[in-house]
Amino acid sequence: MEKLIVQVASSNHRIYAEEICKLIKMSAQQRGTGIAERTPEYIRQKITEGKSIIALIGGILVGFCYIESWSDKKYVANSGLIVKPKFRSTGVATRIKRMAFNHSRKLYPNARLFGLTTSLPVMKINSELGYIPVVYSELTQDEQFWDGCKSCVNYKILKSKNKVNCMCTAMLFDPAAKQRKHWNFVKKSKLYERFIEMKKKKLSNKKRVL
């Protein structure tokens, strides 16, 4: 079997853009929550700029992640982390995320790294990298970033809450923090799972009433 290669994507990898977009959309549908969709043109741009990570096995796409900067490069997000279903739970996502994290810190050493996610595996990886859960006001307030949430199935919730909260958990890594807190994901994850289930039930009941 060919060896898994995880690397910073180059212009040669633009041929995977459409497949990546399909995988992002499929992942969002499977979760029933949300991943902001992106166009093939946008993905190709990120690849060309050297701001994405790709995982391949013998020329076959395995996973992907891209890097975005906001608020005059003061905030950076590693977005659109996806792994093909057959390769999940094999450590691929962790390898992609770690490389995206390290590459982001190299490109933007003083930026605060943040993310919005409903994925428990992503939260686990983030916590191992030093991210902690924060309120939405700690994130970039760049309108362009929040506009990217419009394709998410939960955007109506975000809008109704005036972008104060939503189904996603906000997480932040601050390189300037002198004493970085460590979020104990193992102890907190079960609590978060119950919290998400409660929010889903509340939303479902609200829809039935309407």
C-alpha atoms as a PDB file:
ATOM      1  CA  MET A   1       0.000   0.000   0.000  1.00  0.00           C
ATOM      2  CA  GLU A   2       1.208   3.505  -0.856  1.00  0.00           C
ATOM      3  CA  LYS A   3       2.386   5.680   2.019  1.00  0.00           C
ATOM      4  CA  LEU A   4       0.191   8.494   3.337  1.00  0.00           C
ATOM      5  CA  ILE A   5       1.715  11.886   2.519  1.00  0.00           C
ATOM      6  CA  VAL A   6       0.576  14.995   4.402  1.00  0.00           C
ATOM      7  CA  GLN A   7       2.044  18.218   3.014  1.00  0.00           C
ATOM      8  CA  VAL A   8       1.515  21.886   2.266  1.00  0.00           C
ATOM      9  CA  ALA A   9      -0.445  21.852  -0.997  1.00  0.00           C
ATOM     10  CA  SER A  10       1.152  23.275  -4.150  1.00  0.00           C
ATOM     11  CA  SER A  11      -0.232  24.399  -7.503  1.00  0.00           C
ATOM     12  CA  ASN A  12      -0.017  20.784  -8.718  1.00  0.00           C
ATOM     13  CA  HIS A  13      -2.820  19.917  -6.310  1.00  0.00           C
ATOM     14  CA  ARG A  14      -5.384  22.303  -7.787  1.00  0.00           C
ATOM     15  CA  ILE A  15      -6.851  19.352  -9.705  1.00  0.00           C
ATOM     16  CA  TYR A  16      -8.395  18.155  -6.430  1.00  0.00           C
ATOM     17  CA  ALA A  17     -10.428  21.344  -5.836  1.00  0.00           C
ATOM     18  CA  GLU A  18     -13.789  20.027  -7.034  1.00  0.00           C
ATOM     19  CA  GLU A  19     -13.392  16.748  -5.170  1.00  0.00           C
ATOM     20  CA  ILE A  20     -12.506  18.670  -2.001  1.00  0.00           C
ATOM     21  CA  CYS A  21     -15.651  20.798  -2.298  1.00  0.00           C
ATOM     22  CA  LYS A  22     -17.818  17.710  -2.750  1.00  0.00           C
ATOM     23  CA  LEU A  23     -16.214  16.127   0.313  1.00  0.00           C
ATOM     24  CA  ILE A  24     -16.838  19.283   2.389  1.00  0.00           C
ATOM     25  CA  LYS A  25     -20.498  19.284   1.367  1.00  0.00           C
ATOM     26  CA  MET A  26     -20.901  15.564   2.034  1.00  0.00           C
ATOM     27  CA  SER A  27     -19.329  15.907   5.470  1.00  0.00           C
ATOM     28  CA  ALA A  28     -21.742  18.714   6.377  1.00  0.00           C
ATOM     29  CA  GLN A  29     -24.721  16.622   5.295  1.00  0.00           C
ATOM     30  CA  GLN A  30     -23.543  13.604   7.269  1.00  0.00           C
ATOM     31  CA  ARG A  31     -23.112  15.630  10.448  1.00  0.00           C
ATOM     32  CA  GLY A  32     -26.457  17.340  10.057  1.00  0.00           C
ATOM     33  CA  THR A  33     -24.841  20.450  11.483  1.00  0.00           C
ATOM     34  CA  GLY A  34     -22.570  22.639   9.465  1.00  0.00           C
ATOM     35  CA  ILE A  35     -19.381  23.207   7.559  1.00  0.00           C
ATOM     36  CA  ALA A  36     -19.319  26.418   5.560  1.00  0.00           C
ATOM     37  CA  GLU A  37     -19.145  25.415   1.902  1.00  0.00           C
ATOM     38  CA  ARG A  38     -16.499  26.811  -0.438  1.00  0.00           C
ATOM     39  CA  THR A  39     -16.264  26.994  -4.223  1.00  0.00           C
ATOM     40  CA  PRO A  40     -13.605  25.161  -6.280  1.00  0.00           C
ATOM     41  CA  GLU A  41     -12.211  28.586  -7.237  1.00  0.00           C
ATOM     42  CA  TYR A  42     -11.724  29.483  -3.574  1.00  0.00           C
ATOM     43  CA  ILE A  43     -10.012  26.163  -2.818  1.00  0.00           C
ATOM     44  CA  ARG A  44      -7.739  26.559  -5.840  1.00  0.00           C
ATOM     45  CA  GLN A  45      -6.784  30.026  -4.613  1.00  0.00           C
ATOM     46  CA  LYS A  46      -5.823  28.684  -1.179  1.00  0.00           C
ATOM     47  CA  ILE A  47      -3.760  25.932  -2.786  1.00  0.00           C
ATOM     48  CA  THR A  48      -1.968  28.386  -5.091  1.00  0.00           C
ATOM     49  CA  GLU A  49      -1.189  30.721  -2.157  1.00  0.00           C
ATOM     50  CA  GLY A  50       0.401  27.885  -0.183  1.00  0.00           C
ATOM     51  CA  LYS A  51      -2.268  28.188   2.501  1.00  0.00           C
ATOM     52  CA  SER A  52      -3.645  24.674   2.614  1.00  0.00           C
ATOM     53  CA  ILE A  53      -2.696  21.177   3.732  1.00  0.00           C
ATOM     54  CA  ILE A  54      -3.470  18.082   1.679  1.00  0.00           C
ATOM     55  CA  ALA A  55      -3.237  14.375   2.496  1.00  0.00           C
ATOM     56  CA  LEU A  56      -2.764  11.871  -0.320  1.00  0.00           C
ATOM     57  CA  ILE A  57      -2.144   8.173  -0.790  1.00  0.00           C
ATOM     58  CA  GLY A  58      -0.733   7.395  -4.215  1.00  0.00           C
ATOM     59  CA  GLY A  59      -2.452  10.363  -5.826  1.00  0.00           C
ATOM     60  CA  ILE A  60      -5.791   9.640  -4.104  1.00  0.00           C
ATOM     61  CA  LEU A  61      -7.246  12.446  -1.993  1.00  0.00           C
ATOM     62  CA  VAL A  62      -7.515  11.493   1.691  1.00  0.00           C
ATOM     63  CA  GLY A  63      -8.023  14.805   3.492  1.00  0.00           C
ATOM     64  CA  PHE A  64      -7.637  18.573   3.336  1.00  0.00           C
ATOM     65  CA  CYS A  65      -7.587  21.778   5.379  1.00  0.00           C
ATOM     66  CA  TYR A  66      -7.050  25.436   4.463  1.00  0.00           C
ATOM     67  CA  ILE A  67      -5.825  28.559   6.230  1.00  0.00           C
ATOM     68  CA  GLU A  68      -7.614  31.920   6.394  1.00  0.00           C
ATOM     69  CA  SER A  69      -6.518  35.210   7.967  1.00  0.00           C
ATOM     70  CA  TRP A  70      -8.808  37.935   9.300  1.00  0.00           C
ATOM     71  CA  SER A  71      -8.734  41.380  10.930  1.00  0.00           C
ATOM     72  CA  ASP A  72      -5.523  42.478   9.216  1.00  0.00           C
ATOM     73  CA  LYS A  73      -3.876  39.071   9.900  1.00  0.00           C
ATOM     74  CA  LYS A  74      -4.420  39.324  13.661  1.00  0.00           C
ATOM     75  CA  TYR A  75      -6.641  36.238  13.590  1.00  0.00           C
ATOM     76  CA  VAL A  76      -6.079  33.005  11.702  1.00  0.00           C
ATOM     77  CA  ALA A  77      -8.374  30.016  11.227  1.00  0.00           C
ATOM     78  CA  ASN A  78      -7.614  26.486  10.042  1.00  0.00           C
ATOM     79  CA  SER A  79     -10.856  25.759   8.239  1.00  0.00           C
ATOM     80  CA  GLY A  80     -12.619  23.039   6.278  1.00  0.00           C
ATOM     81  CA  LEU A  81     -10.830  20.091   7.886  1.00  0.00           C
ATOM     82  CA  ILE A  82     -12.114  17.005   6.078  1.00  0.00           C
ATOM     83  CA  VAL A  83     -11.089  13.351   5.829  1.00  0.00           C
ATOM     84  CA  LYS A  84     -12.658  10.733   3.578  1.00  0.00           C
ATOM     85  CA  PRO A  85     -14.902   8.364   5.579  1.00  0.00           C
ATOM     86  CA  LYS A  86     -12.750   5.248   5.048  1.00  0.00           C
ATOM     87  CA  PHE A  87      -9.716   7.036   6.526  1.00  0.00           C
ATOM     88  CA  ARG A  88     -11.384   8.475   9.609  1.00  0.00           C
ATOM     89  CA  SER A  89     -10.267   7.372  13.083  1.00  0.00           C
ATOM     90  CA  THR A  90      -6.814   6.547  11.687  1.00  0.00           C
ATOM     91  CA  GLY A  91      -4.991   9.668  12.877  1.00  0.00           C
ATOM     92  CA  VAL A  92      -5.099  11.417   9.496  1.00  0.00           C
ATOM     93  CA  ALA A  93      -7.127  14.379  10.799  1.00  0.00           C
ATOM     94  CA  THR A  94      -4.635  14.912  13.627  1.00  0.00           C
ATOM     95  CA  ARG A  95      -1.708  14.947  11.200  1.00  0.00           C
ATOM     96  CA  ILE A  96      -3.450  17.428   8.898  1.00  0.00           C
ATOM     97  CA  LYS A  97      -4.499  19.671  11.780  1.00  0.00           C
ATOM     98  CA  ARG A  98      -1.051  19.676  13.370  1.00  0.00           C
ATOM     99  CA  MET A  99       0.608  20.601  10.087  1.00  0.00           C
ATOM    100  CA  ALA A 100      -1.992  23.324   9.458  1.00  0.00           C
ATOM    101  CA  PHE A 101      -1.381  24.656  12.973  1.00  0.00           C
ATOM    102  CA  ASN A 102       2.417  24.701  12.581  1.00  0.00           C
ATOM    103  CA  HIS A 103       2.220  26.193   9.084  1.00  0.00           C
ATOM    104  CA  SER A 104      -0.166  28.894  10.327  1.00  0.00           C
ATOM    105  CA  ARG A 105       2.220  29.822  13.124  1.00  0.00           C
ATOM    106  CA  LYS A 106       5.049  30.041  10.598  1.00  0.00           C
ATOM    107  CA  LEU A 107       3.035  32.295   8.262  1.00  0.00           C
ATOM    108  CA  TYR A 108       1.454  34.377  11.037  1.00  0.00           C
ATOM    109  CA  PRO A 109       3.617  34.045  14.199  1.00  0.00           C
ATOM    110  CA  ASN A 110       1.782  36.752  16.162  1.00  0.00           C
ATOM    111  CA  ALA A 111      -1.772  35.889  15.160  1.00  0.00           C
ATOM    112  CA  ARG A 112      -4.410  34.368  17.414  1.00  0.00           C
ATOM    113  CA  LEU A 113      -5.535  31.024  15.994  1.00  0.00           C
ATOM    114  CA  PHE A 114      -9.234  30.277  16.338  1.00  0.00           C
ATOM    115  CA  GLY A 115     -11.908  27.932  15.135  1.00  0.00           C
ATOM    116  CA  LEU A 116     -15.630  27.205  15.204  1.00  0.00           C
ATOM    117  CA  THR A 117     -16.643  23.559  15.222  1.00  0.00           C
ATOM    118  CA  THR A 118     -19.331  21.071  16.210  1.00  0.00           C
ATOM    119  CA  SER A 119     -16.921  18.147  15.796  1.00  0.00           C
ATOM    120  CA  LEU A 120     -15.748  16.462  18.993  1.00  0.00           C
ATOM    121  CA  PRO A 121     -12.667  14.954  17.278  1.00  0.00           C
ATOM    122  CA  VAL A 122     -11.642  18.439  16.078  1.00  0.00           C
ATOM    123  CA  MET A 123     -12.132  19.832  19.586  1.00  0.00           C
ATOM    124  CA  LYS A 124      -9.940  17.065  20.967  1.00  0.00           C
ATOM    125  CA  ILE A 125      -7.173  17.854  18.473  1.00  0.00           C
ATOM    126  CA  ASN A 126      -7.499  21.595  19.179  1.00  0.00           C
ATOM    127  CA  SER A 127      -7.264  21.066  22.931  1.00  0.00           C
ATOM    128  CA  GLU A 128      -4.059  19.033  22.466  1.00  0.00           C
ATOM    129  CA  LEU A 129      -2.600  21.946  20.472  1.00  0.00           C
ATOM    130  CA  GLY A 130      -3.368  24.408  23.254  1.00  0.00           C
ATOM    131  CA  TYR A 131      -6.717  25.860  22.158  1.00  0.00           C
ATOM    132  CA  ILE A 132      -9.317  26.621  24.816  1.00  0.00           C
ATOM    133  CA  PRO A 133     -13.090  27.231  24.484  1.00  0.00           C
ATOM    134  CA  VAL A 134     -14.005  30.929  24.438  1.00  0.00           C
ATOM    135  CA  VAL A 135     -17.063  33.110  23.875  1.00  0.00           C
ATOM    136  CA  TYR A 136     -17.698  34.342  20.332  1.00  0.00           C
ATOM    137  CA  SER A 137     -16.667  37.894  21.224  1.00  0.00           C
ATOM    138  CA  GLU A 138     -13.073  36.612  21.584  1.00  0.00           C
ATOM    139  CA  LEU A 139     -12.987  35.776  17.878  1.00  0.00           C
ATOM    140  CA  THR A 140     -12.468  38.055  14.896  1.00  0.00           C
ATOM    141  CA  GLN A 141     -15.346  40.453  14.305  1.00  0.00           C
ATOM    142  CA  ASP A 142     -14.515  40.697  10.605  1.00  0.00           C
ATOM    143  CA  GLU A 143     -17.865  40.630   8.776  1.00  0.00           C
ATOM    144  CA  GLN A 144     -16.312  38.728   5.898  1.00  0.00           C
ATOM    145  CA  PHE A 145     -15.575  35.828   8.234  1.00  0.00           C
ATOM    146  CA  TRP A 146     -19.155  35.652   9.493  1.00  0.00           C
ATOM    147  CA  ASP A 147     -20.463  35.941   5.948  1.00  0.00           C
ATOM    148  CA  GLY A 148     -18.702  32.644   5.316  1.00  0.00           C
ATOM    149  CA  CYS A 149     -21.191  31.010   7.692  1.00  0.00           C
ATOM    150  CA  LYS A 150     -24.121  31.798   5.403  1.00  0.00           C
ATOM    151  CA  SER A 151     -23.864  28.441   3.645  1.00  0.00           C
ATOM    152  CA  CYS A 152     -24.011  26.594   6.975  1.00  0.00           C
ATOM    153  CA  VAL A 153     -27.331  24.919   7.871  1.00  0.00           C
ATOM    154  CA  ASN A 154     -27.221  26.657  11.250  1.00  0.00           C
ATOM    155  CA  TYR A 155     -26.795  30.205   9.936  1.00  0.00           C
ATOM    156  CA  LYS A 156     -30.350  31.202  10.936  1.00  0.00           C
ATOM    157  CA  ILE A 157     -29.512  30.315  14.531  1.00  0.00           C
ATOM    158  CA  LEU A 158     -26.310  32.360  14.421  1.00  0.00           C
ATOM    159  CA  LYS A 159     -28.170  35.333  12.952  1.00  0.00           C
ATOM    160  CA  SER A 160     -31.008  35.133  15.477  1.00  0.00           C
ATOM    161  CA  LYS A 161     -28.416  35.185  18.281  1.00  0.00           C
ATOM    162  CA  ASN A 162     -26.685  38.264  16.814  1.00  0.00           C
ATOM    163  CA  LYS A 163     -23.521  36.171  16.368  1.00  0.00           C
ATOM    164  CA  VAL A 164     -23.163  35.789  20.124  1.00  0.00           C
ATOM    165  CA  ASN A 165     -23.453  31.995  19.968  1.00  0.00           C
ATOM    166  CA  CYS A 166     -24.608  29.093  17.806  1.00  0.00           C
ATOM    167  CA  MET A 167     -24.242  25.298  17.575  1.00  0.00           C
ATOM    168  CA  CYS A 168     -20.467  25.594  17.147  1.00  0.00           C
ATOM    169  CA  THR A 169     -17.953  25.787  19.968  1.00  0.00           C
ATOM    170  CA  ALA A 170     -15.475  28.655  19.625  1.00  0.00           C
ATOM    171  CA  MET A 171     -11.858  27.801  20.414  1.00  0.00           C
ATOM    172  CA  LEU A 172      -8.788  30.025  20.593  1.00  0.00           C
ATOM    173  CA  PHE A 173      -5.007  29.680  20.735  1.00  0.00           C
ATOM    174  CA  ASP A 174      -3.307  32.892  21.851  1.00  0.00           C
ATOM    175  CA  PRO A 175       0.488  32.900  21.331  1.00  0.00           C
ATOM    176  CA  ALA A 176       0.768  35.934  23.605  1.00  0.00           C
ATOM    177  CA  ALA A 177      -0.781  34.172  26.607  1.00  0.00           C
ATOM    178  CA  LYS A 178       1.908  33.886  29.286  1.00  0.00           C
ATOM    179  CA  GLN A 179       0.112  31.213  31.278  1.00  0.00           C
ATOM    180  CA  ARG A 180      -1.878  29.175  28.793  1.00  0.00           C
ATOM    181  CA  LYS A 181      -4.798  27.325  30.301  1.00  0.00           C
ATOM    182  CA  HIS A 182      -5.270  23.703  29.314  1.00  0.00           C
ATOM    183  CA  TRP A 183      -8.777  22.494  28.576  1.00  0.00           C
ATOM    184  CA  ASN A 184      -9.259  18.940  29.816  1.00  0.00           C
ATOM    185  CA  PHE A 185     -11.143  17.612  26.810  1.00  0.00           C
ATOM    186  CA  VAL A 186     -11.559  14.083  28.166  1.00  0.00           C
ATOM    187  CA  LYS A 187     -13.441  15.336  31.219  1.00  0.00           C
ATOM    188  CA  LYS A 188     -15.419  18.027  29.414  1.00  0.00           C
ATOM    189  CA  SER A 189     -16.411  16.244  26.177  1.00  0.00           C
ATOM    190  CA  LYS A 190     -19.304  14.251  27.662  1.00  0.00           C
ATOM    191  CA  LEU A 191     -20.726  17.441  29.119  1.00  0.00           C
ATOM    192  CA  TYR A 192     -20.464  19.096  25.716  1.00  0.00           C
ATOM    193  CA  GLU A 193     -22.192  16.159  24.011  1.00  0.00           C
ATOM    194  CA  ARG A 194     -25.157  16.508  26.371  1.00  0.00           C
ATOM    195  CA  PHE A 195     -25.218  20.255  25.786  1.00  0.00           C
ATOM    196  CA  ILE A 196     -25.369  19.795  21.989  1.00  0.00           C
ATOM    197  CA  GLU A 197     -28.152  17.232  22.282  1.00  0.00           C
ATOM    198  CA  MET A 198     -30.172  19.646  24.431  1.00  0.00           C
ATOM    199  CA  LYS A 199     -29.714  22.425  21.850  1.00  0.00           C
ATOM    200  CA  LYS A 200     -30.803  20.113  19.024  1.00  0.00           C
ATOM    201  CA  LYS A 201     -33.940  19.056  20.906  1.00  0.00           C
ATOM    202  CA  LYS A 202     -34.775  22.660  21.717  1.00  0.00           C
ATOM    203  CA  LEU A 203     -34.388  23.652  18.050  1.00  0.00           C
ATOM    204  CA  SER A 204     -36.496  20.665  16.926  1.00  0.00           C
ATOM    205  CA  ASN A 205     -39.296  21.557  19.353  1.00  0.00           C
ATOM    206  CA  LYS A 206     -39.230  25.155  18.194  1.00  0.00           C
ATOM    207  CA  LYS A 207     -39.639  24.075  14.549  1.00  0.00           C
ATOM    208  CA  ARG A 208     -42.635  21.906  15.440  1.00  0.00           C
ATOM    209  CA  VAL A 209     -44.311  24.827  17.202  1.00  0.00           C
ATOM    210  CA  LEU A 210     -43.796  27.052  14.161  1.00  0.00           C
END
